[in-house]
Amino acid sequence: MISEPLHYYDAMIVDIESAKKYIYCETFRIGNDAIGERFLRAFNEKAKEGLDVKLLIDGWGVSNPGHPLYGQISKNGGDVRFFEKIKFNTDIFTKGHRRNHRKLLLIDDEVCWIGSSNLTGYNMNWRESMLRMKSEITYSLSRLFMQDFRLHNKYVFNKVHNTRLVRFENFEIVRDVPSIAYKRINKKFIRLFQSAKKKIIIETPYFLPGFMLRKAMADAAKRGVEVVVIIPRHSDVTLVDILRNKYLGPLYKNGIQFLYYKTNNLHAKLMLVDDEQFAIGSSNFDYRSFRYMFEIMIFGDDPEISEQFIEHIEITRSQSEPFVYGSWKKRPLINKFFEWILLPFRHLL
């Protein structure tokens, strides 16, 4: 895991430039800025060399679908697709909010990147979590990427097939698609809470867990498990910050510890259980990710990776401050009012 954005962007570019066969990139957003253009130019150069270059970018998240470099990549033999382009009709409130939030960079069946970061300039100032693995798991992820690539403009597809659990050695690849019934990642999180013996640490930018997940967290704390959730003091989505406050006090009283990351925006999405089992990927800890988004997480218990998680979390904790229950109880009445107003919309925030 590489914590500093400038470093992991540089490392990703090096991997792209070293590619010999293919480059598959799946992301919510490529910025219309210097960072986004840097990646697009790198993709274009590899397309010119004749490599199999495939880009899948969310139709809502894409910053500038008309950027000339997308056309250049296609002209040079690459394939650029925008996932479920937004249709401004009655579907915008039913199907239009189902976004592809996955973040993958896959190279030559050898190197994979998975985590929280989009390819944009503003992510450089955020606390992110990206995992690079030089592993044959890249082959498995590339097959899953191709499933997404083929259904980029389909609203109807086989949900069972597209959420099938994939195991590779001591790793599990868990995916979510828009579904209230399946919610594979949410269920996996619950099982981890239920099996934890000593400690659970979560980093997430948006914290709106459903009832069963909140119960699993509280039950773990009652068993004596240390449960710590690190969230940004102020995320980039103010409405989520307002609504999440409704949950913090009751969960704190049930033994959950909260820390506010204060340096800038915390956008990392990871979990570490008993300093051994880890989870990393694109999913937020909220209703929207679990119900309506295309998400992907890797779960595993590799000691070398877990050590990197521990180091990453320690740095995050050193730049955080504790939630104060007394201050929460004294929050202004207007804040409480908006918490209740927003509550019916918690599934869409």
Protein backbone atom coordinates (compact mmCIF):
# COMPACT_ATOMS: atom_id res chain seq x y z
CA MET A 1 0.00 0.00 0.00
CA ILE A 2 1.41 3.40 -0.96
CA SER A 3 0.01 6.26 1.08
CA GLU A 4 1.40 9.35 -0.61
CA PRO A 5 -0.61 10.22 -3.76
CA LEU A 6 2.31 11.70 -5.70
CA HIS A 7 4.26 8.49 -5.12
CA TYR A 8 1.50 6.12 -6.16
CA TYR A 9 0.60 8.16 -9.24
CA ASP A 10 4.25 8.06 -10.28
CA ALA A 11 4.41 4.31 -9.61
CA MET A 12 1.23 3.72 -11.60
CA ILE A 13 2.65 5.64 -14.56
CA VAL A 14 5.86 3.59 -14.39
CA ASP A 15 3.78 0.40 -14.49
CA ILE A 16 1.80 1.70 -17.47
CA GLU A 17 4.98 2.65 -19.32
CA SER A 18 6.41 -0.83 -18.62
CA ALA A 19 3.36 -2.67 -20.01
CA LYS A 20 4.01 -5.14 -22.83
CA LYS A 21 0.59 -6.71 -23.59
CA TYR A 22 -2.39 -4.90 -22.12
CA ILE A 23 -3.58 -2.12 -19.84
CA TYR A 24 -7.09 -2.24 -18.38
CA CYS A 25 -8.25 0.73 -16.33
CA GLU A 26 -11.61 0.95 -14.57
CA THR A 27 -12.33 4.10 -12.56
CA PHE A 28 -15.08 6.42 -11.45
CA ARG A 29 -13.27 9.56 -12.60
CA ILE A 30 -10.35 10.69 -14.72
CA GLY A 31 -9.86 14.38 -14.02
CA ASN A 32 -9.95 17.15 -16.59
CA ASP A 33 -6.66 18.37 -15.13
CA ALA A 34 -2.91 17.78 -15.26
CA ILE A 35 -3.12 14.40 -13.49
CA GLY A 36 -5.95 13.11 -15.66
CA GLU A 37 -4.18 14.26 -18.81
CA ARG A 38 -0.93 12.66 -17.66
CA PHE A 39 -2.65 9.27 -17.44
CA LEU A 40 -4.50 9.71 -20.72
CA ARG A 41 -1.25 10.55 -22.51
CA ALA A 42 0.38 7.46 -21.02
CA PHE A 43 -2.56 5.29 -22.16
CA ASN A 44 -2.40 6.86 -25.62
CA GLU A 45 1.31 6.15 -26.01
CA LYS A 46 0.76 2.47 -25.21
CA ALA A 47 -2.15 2.32 -27.65
CA LYS A 48 0.19 3.69 -30.32
CA GLU A 49 2.59 0.85 -29.54
CA GLY A 50 -0.19 -1.63 -30.32
CA LEU A 51 -1.03 -2.75 -26.79
CA ASP A 52 -4.56 -3.74 -25.83
CA VAL A 53 -5.67 -0.57 -23.99
CA LYS A 54 -9.15 -0.55 -22.49
CA LEU A 55 -10.58 2.27 -20.37
CA LEU A 56 -13.90 2.04 -18.52
CA ILE A 57 -14.93 5.33 -16.90
CA ASP A 58 -18.21 6.03 -15.17
CA GLY A 59 -20.58 8.11 -17.27
CA TRP A 60 -21.44 10.39 -14.35
CA GLY A 61 -17.96 10.65 -12.87
CA VAL A 62 -16.11 11.41 -16.11
CA SER A 63 -14.92 15.01 -15.95
CA ASN A 64 -14.74 15.73 -19.67
CA PRO A 65 -15.96 12.97 -22.01
CA GLY A 66 -15.14 15.19 -24.98
CA HIS A 67 -11.44 15.44 -24.16
CA PRO A 68 -9.52 14.94 -27.44
CA LEU A 69 -7.22 12.34 -25.87
CA TYR A 70 -10.12 9.89 -25.57
CA GLY A 71 -10.54 10.17 -29.31
CA GLN A 72 -6.82 9.77 -29.85
CA ILE A 73 -6.72 6.59 -27.77
CA SER A 74 -9.59 5.15 -29.83
CA LYS A 75 -7.97 6.26 -33.08
CA ASN A 76 -4.78 4.46 -32.07
CA GLY A 77 -6.60 1.20 -31.44
CA GLY A 78 -7.60 1.57 -27.80
CA ASP A 79 -11.16 1.11 -26.56
CA VAL A 80 -12.73 3.81 -24.35
CA ARG A 81 -16.16 3.22 -22.85
CA PHE A 82 -18.25 5.33 -20.51
CA PHE A 83 -20.26 3.28 -18.05
CA GLU A 84 -24.04 3.93 -18.19
CA LYS A 85 -24.12 7.38 -19.70
CA ILE A 86 -26.55 9.67 -17.88
CA LYS A 87 -29.96 9.88 -19.51
CA PHE A 88 -31.93 12.96 -18.51
CA ASN A 89 -35.33 11.33 -18.40
CA THR A 90 -37.44 9.51 -15.82
CA ASP A 91 -34.65 6.95 -15.31
CA ILE A 92 -32.34 9.49 -13.70
CA PHE A 93 -33.99 8.92 -10.29
CA THR A 94 -34.30 5.15 -10.65
CA LYS A 95 -31.38 3.83 -12.70
CA GLY A 96 -29.27 6.93 -13.32
CA HIS A 97 -27.76 6.95 -9.82
CA ARG A 98 -26.40 3.39 -10.15
CA ARG A 99 -22.75 4.18 -10.77
CA ASN A 100 -19.58 2.19 -11.40
CA HIS A 101 -17.40 3.19 -8.45
CA ARG A 102 -14.72 0.50 -8.94
CA LYS A 103 -11.07 1.52 -9.22
CA LEU A 104 -8.69 -0.90 -10.93
CA LEU A 105 -5.51 -0.67 -12.98
CA LEU A 106 -4.46 -4.04 -14.45
CA ILE A 107 -1.31 -4.69 -16.44
CA ASP A 108 -0.11 -7.78 -18.33
CA ASP A 109 -1.59 -10.40 -15.93
CA GLU A 110 1.22 -9.33 -13.61
CA VAL A 111 0.47 -6.06 -11.79
CA CYS A 112 -2.79 -4.86 -10.29
CA TRP A 113 -3.74 -1.69 -8.45
CA ILE A 114 -6.93 -1.55 -6.37
CA GLY A 115 -8.18 0.96 -3.86
CA SER A 116 -9.89 4.27 -3.27
CA SER A 117 -8.29 6.82 -5.57
CA ASN A 118 -9.57 8.29 -8.79
CA LEU A 119 -7.09 9.66 -11.33
CA THR A 120 -7.49 13.36 -10.56
CA GLY A 121 -5.50 16.25 -9.18
CA TYR A 122 -7.60 16.77 -6.08
CA ASN A 123 -6.96 13.21 -4.91
CA MET A 124 -3.32 14.21 -4.46
CA ASN A 125 -4.34 16.25 -1.41
CA TRP A 126 -6.49 13.51 0.11
CA ARG A 127 -5.60 10.58 2.35
CA GLU A 128 -6.07 7.57 0.06
CA SER A 129 -5.47 3.82 0.17
CA MET A 130 -4.07 2.05 -2.89
CA LEU A 131 -2.72 -1.49 -2.95
CA ARG A 132 -0.29 -2.65 -5.63
CA MET A 133 0.23 -6.37 -6.05
CA LYS A 134 2.56 -8.11 -8.45
CA SER A 135 0.57 -11.31 -8.56
CA GLU A 136 -1.32 -13.74 -10.75
CA ILE A 137 -4.49 -12.42 -9.10
CA THR A 138 -4.26 -9.81 -11.88
CA TYR A 139 -5.48 -12.48 -14.30
CA SER A 140 -8.62 -13.05 -12.19
CA LEU A 141 -9.25 -9.30 -11.92
CA SER A 142 -8.81 -8.86 -15.67
CA ARG A 143 -11.56 -11.42 -16.31
CA LEU A 144 -13.85 -9.49 -13.96
CA PHE A 145 -12.91 -6.25 -15.68
CA MET A 146 -14.02 -7.71 -19.01
CA GLN A 147 -17.42 -8.54 -17.51
CA ASP A 148 -17.85 -4.88 -16.57
CA PHE A 149 -16.52 -3.75 -19.93
CA ARG A 150 -19.11 -5.80 -21.79
CA LEU A 151 -22.08 -4.62 -19.72
CA HIS A 152 -21.07 -0.94 -19.67
CA ASN A 153 -24.37 0.16 -21.24
CA LYS A 154 -26.69 -2.59 -20.02
CA TYR A 155 -29.27 -2.07 -17.29
CA VAL A 156 -30.34 -5.73 -17.22
CA PHE A 157 -27.74 -8.41 -16.52
CA ASN A 158 -27.13 -11.58 -14.50
CA LYS A 159 -26.53 -10.30 -10.96
CA VAL A 160 -25.58 -13.70 -9.57
CA HIS A 161 -22.88 -14.16 -12.19
CA ASN A 162 -21.58 -10.63 -11.76
CA THR A 163 -21.29 -10.92 -7.98
CA ARG A 164 -19.80 -14.40 -7.89
CA LEU A 165 -17.12 -14.73 -5.23
CA VAL A 166 -13.65 -15.23 -6.70
CA ARG A 167 -10.95 -16.84 -4.56
CA PHE A 168 -7.23 -16.74 -5.30
CA GLU A 169 -4.84 -18.30 -2.80
CA ASN A 170 -5.59 -16.51 0.51
CA PHE A 171 -7.50 -13.65 -1.14
CA GLU A 172 -11.19 -13.14 -1.89
CA ILE A 173 -12.49 -10.73 -4.51
CA VAL A 174 -15.96 -9.55 -3.48
CA ARG A 175 -18.14 -7.43 -5.75
CA ASP A 176 -21.38 -5.51 -5.41
CA VAL A 177 -23.82 -4.52 -8.14
CA PRO A 178 -27.02 -2.51 -7.66
CA SER A 179 -29.11 -4.85 -5.51
CA ILE A 180 -30.90 -4.58 -2.20
CA ALA A 181 -30.98 -8.38 -1.90
CA TYR A 182 -27.34 -9.33 -2.49
CA LYS A 183 -25.07 -6.70 -0.85
CA ARG A 184 -22.08 -9.06 -0.85
CA ILE A 185 -19.60 -6.58 0.61
CA ASN A 186 -21.93 -5.52 3.41
CA LYS A 187 -22.48 -9.18 4.37
CA LYS A 188 -18.75 -9.88 4.28
CA PHE A 189 -18.13 -6.93 6.62
CA ILE A 190 -20.74 -8.30 9.03
CA ARG A 191 -19.04 -11.71 9.08
CA LEU A 192 -15.70 -10.06 9.83
CA PHE A 193 -17.24 -8.18 12.76
CA GLN A 194 -18.74 -11.40 14.04
CA SER A 195 -15.42 -13.27 13.86
CA ALA A 196 -13.18 -10.52 15.27
CA LYS A 197 -11.45 -11.31 18.56
CA LYS A 198 -9.40 -8.25 19.49
CA LYS A 199 -9.54 -5.26 17.18
CA ILE A 200 -11.31 -3.79 14.16
CA ILE A 201 -10.15 -0.58 12.50
CA ILE A 202 -12.00 1.08 9.63
CA GLU A 203 -11.05 4.04 7.47
CA THR A 204 -13.90 5.44 5.41
CA PRO A 205 -14.84 8.86 4.01
CA TYR A 206 -18.60 8.32 4.33
CA PHE A 207 -20.14 6.54 7.30
CA LEU A 208 -23.84 5.62 6.99
CA PRO A 209 -24.06 1.91 7.92
CA GLY A 210 -27.37 0.06 7.90
CA PHE A 211 -29.01 -1.51 10.95
CA MET A 212 -27.46 -4.99 10.66
CA LEU A 213 -23.97 -3.57 10.22
CA ARG A 214 -24.43 -1.20 13.17
CA LYS A 215 -25.63 -4.14 15.26
CA ALA A 216 -22.62 -6.25 14.27
CA MET A 217 -20.31 -3.39 15.27
CA ALA A 218 -22.03 -2.93 18.63
CA ASP A 219 -22.07 -6.68 19.32
CA ALA A 220 -18.33 -6.87 18.65
CA ALA A 221 -17.68 -4.00 21.05
CA LYS A 222 -19.79 -5.72 23.73
CA ARG A 223 -17.59 -8.82 23.35
CA GLY A 224 -14.58 -6.68 24.21
CA VAL A 225 -13.35 -6.09 20.67
CA GLU A 226 -11.80 -2.66 20.14
CA VAL A 227 -13.78 -1.09 17.30
CA VAL A 228 -12.30 2.10 15.84
CA VAL A 229 -13.76 4.07 12.92
CA ILE A 230 -11.68 6.86 11.36
CA ILE A 231 -13.64 9.38 9.30
CA PRO A 232 -12.79 12.83 7.95
CA ARG A 233 -13.64 15.84 10.08
CA HIS A 234 -15.11 17.32 6.90
CA SER A 235 -15.56 15.15 3.83
CA ASP A 236 -16.32 16.43 0.33
CA VAL A 237 -20.03 15.58 0.77
CA THR A 238 -21.49 17.89 3.43
CA LEU A 239 -24.91 16.23 3.48
CA VAL A 240 -23.34 12.90 4.45
CA ASP A 241 -21.39 14.62 7.24
CA ILE A 242 -24.60 16.10 8.62
CA LEU A 243 -26.52 12.81 8.53
CA ARG A 244 -23.70 10.63 9.88
CA ASN A 245 -23.71 12.67 13.11
CA LYS A 246 -27.05 11.10 13.98
CA TYR A 247 -25.32 7.70 14.27
CA LEU A 248 -22.14 8.69 16.10
CA GLY A 249 -23.54 9.31 19.58
CA PRO A 250 -25.55 6.08 19.91
CA LEU A 251 -22.73 3.99 18.48
CA TYR A 252 -20.21 5.66 20.79
CA LYS A 253 -22.41 4.74 23.76
CA ASN A 254 -22.30 1.14 22.50
CA GLY A 255 -18.51 1.11 22.64
CA ILE A 256 -17.51 2.23 19.15
CA GLN A 257 -14.58 4.65 19.07
CA PHE A 258 -14.52 7.41 16.45
CA LEU A 259 -11.58 9.47 15.26
CA TYR A 260 -11.75 12.55 13.03
CA TYR A 261 -9.00 12.82 10.44
CA LYS A 262 -8.10 16.50 10.47
CA THR A 263 -5.21 17.05 8.00
CA ASN A 264 -7.41 17.13 4.86
CA ASN A 265 -10.05 14.84 3.39
CA LEU A 266 -9.79 11.15 4.31
CA HIS A 267 -10.87 9.17 1.23
CA ALA A 268 -9.28 5.80 2.13
CA LYS A 269 -11.54 2.75 2.19
CA LEU A 270 -10.11 -0.11 4.21
CA MET A 271 -10.60 -2.39 7.20
CA LEU A 272 -8.13 -4.33 9.35
CA VAL A 273 -9.28 -7.07 11.74
CA ASP A 274 -7.05 -8.39 14.54
CA ASP A 275 -4.01 -6.98 12.69
CA GLU A 276 -4.34 -9.91 10.28
CA GLN A 277 -7.41 -9.85 8.01
CA PHE A 278 -7.67 -6.87 5.70
CA ALA A 279 -10.11 -5.39 3.22
CA ILE A 280 -9.36 -2.74 0.63
CA GLY A 281 -11.13 -1.43 -2.43
CA SER A 282 -13.69 1.07 -3.64
CA SER A 283 -16.65 0.59 -1.28
CA ASN A 284 -17.68 3.24 1.19
CA PHE A 285 -19.26 2.32 4.50
CA ASP A 286 -22.72 3.52 3.53
CA TYR A 287 -26.10 2.55 2.11
CA ARG A 288 -25.36 3.89 -1.36
CA SER A 289 -22.25 1.79 -1.93
CA PHE A 290 -23.83 -1.37 -0.56
CA ARG A 291 -27.14 -1.01 -2.45
CA TYR A 292 -26.67 0.94 -5.64
CA MET A 293 -23.04 1.01 -6.76
CA PHE A 294 -20.75 -1.30 -8.67
CA GLU A 295 -18.02 -1.84 -6.08
CA ILE A 296 -15.07 -4.18 -5.62
CA MET A 297 -13.03 -5.17 -2.56
CA ILE A 298 -10.16 -7.57 -1.92
CA PHE A 299 -10.17 -9.42 1.40
CA GLY A 300 -7.18 -11.41 2.64
CA ASP A 301 -4.77 -12.24 5.43
CA ASP A 302 -1.35 -11.85 3.85
CA PRO A 303 1.12 -10.86 6.65
CA GLU A 304 3.20 -8.56 4.43
CA ILE A 305 0.14 -6.62 3.30
CA SER A 306 -1.30 -6.51 6.82
CA GLU A 307 1.94 -4.92 8.06
CA GLN A 308 1.52 -2.16 5.48
CA PHE A 309 -2.05 -1.64 6.68
CA ILE A 310 -0.84 -1.28 10.25
CA GLU A 311 1.72 1.33 9.20
CA HIS A 312 -0.84 3.23 7.11
CA ILE A 313 -3.39 3.23 9.94
CA GLU A 314 -0.85 4.41 12.52
CA ILE A 315 -0.05 7.44 10.37
CA THR A 316 -3.74 8.16 9.89
CA ARG A 317 -4.38 7.90 13.65
CA SER A 318 -1.49 10.24 14.41
CA GLN A 319 -3.20 12.89 12.28
CA SER A 320 -6.62 12.42 13.87
CA GLU A 321 -8.46 13.58 16.98
CA PRO A 322 -11.10 11.76 19.06
CA PHE A 323 -14.85 12.20 18.84
CA VAL A 324 -16.13 13.96 21.98
CA TYR A 325 -19.52 12.72 23.12
CA GLY A 326 -20.19 15.82 25.23
CA SER A 327 -19.73 18.10 22.23
CA TRP A 328 -21.95 15.85 20.15
CA LYS A 329 -24.79 16.13 22.71
CA LYS A 330 -24.49 19.92 22.62
CA ARG A 331 -24.59 20.23 18.83
CA PRO A 332 -26.98 22.94 17.63
CA LEU A 333 -30.69 22.19 17.28
CA ILE A 334 -30.53 23.14 13.60
CA ASN A 335 -28.03 20.30 13.05
CA LYS A 336 -30.43 17.80 14.64
CA PHE A 337 -33.25 19.16 12.50
CA PHE A 338 -31.34 18.56 9.27
CA GLU A 339 -30.31 15.08 10.45
CA TRP A 340 -33.99 14.14 10.63
CA ILE A 341 -34.79 15.89 7.34
CA LEU A 342 -32.07 13.94 5.54
CA LEU A 343 -32.78 10.58 7.16
CA PRO A 344 -35.34 9.38 4.53
CA PHE A 345 -32.73 10.04 1.81
CA ARG A 346 -29.89 8.12 3.51
CA HIS A 347 -29.97 5.39 0.83
CA LEU A 348 -29.13 7.87 -1.93
CA LEU A 349 -26.46 10.04 -0.24
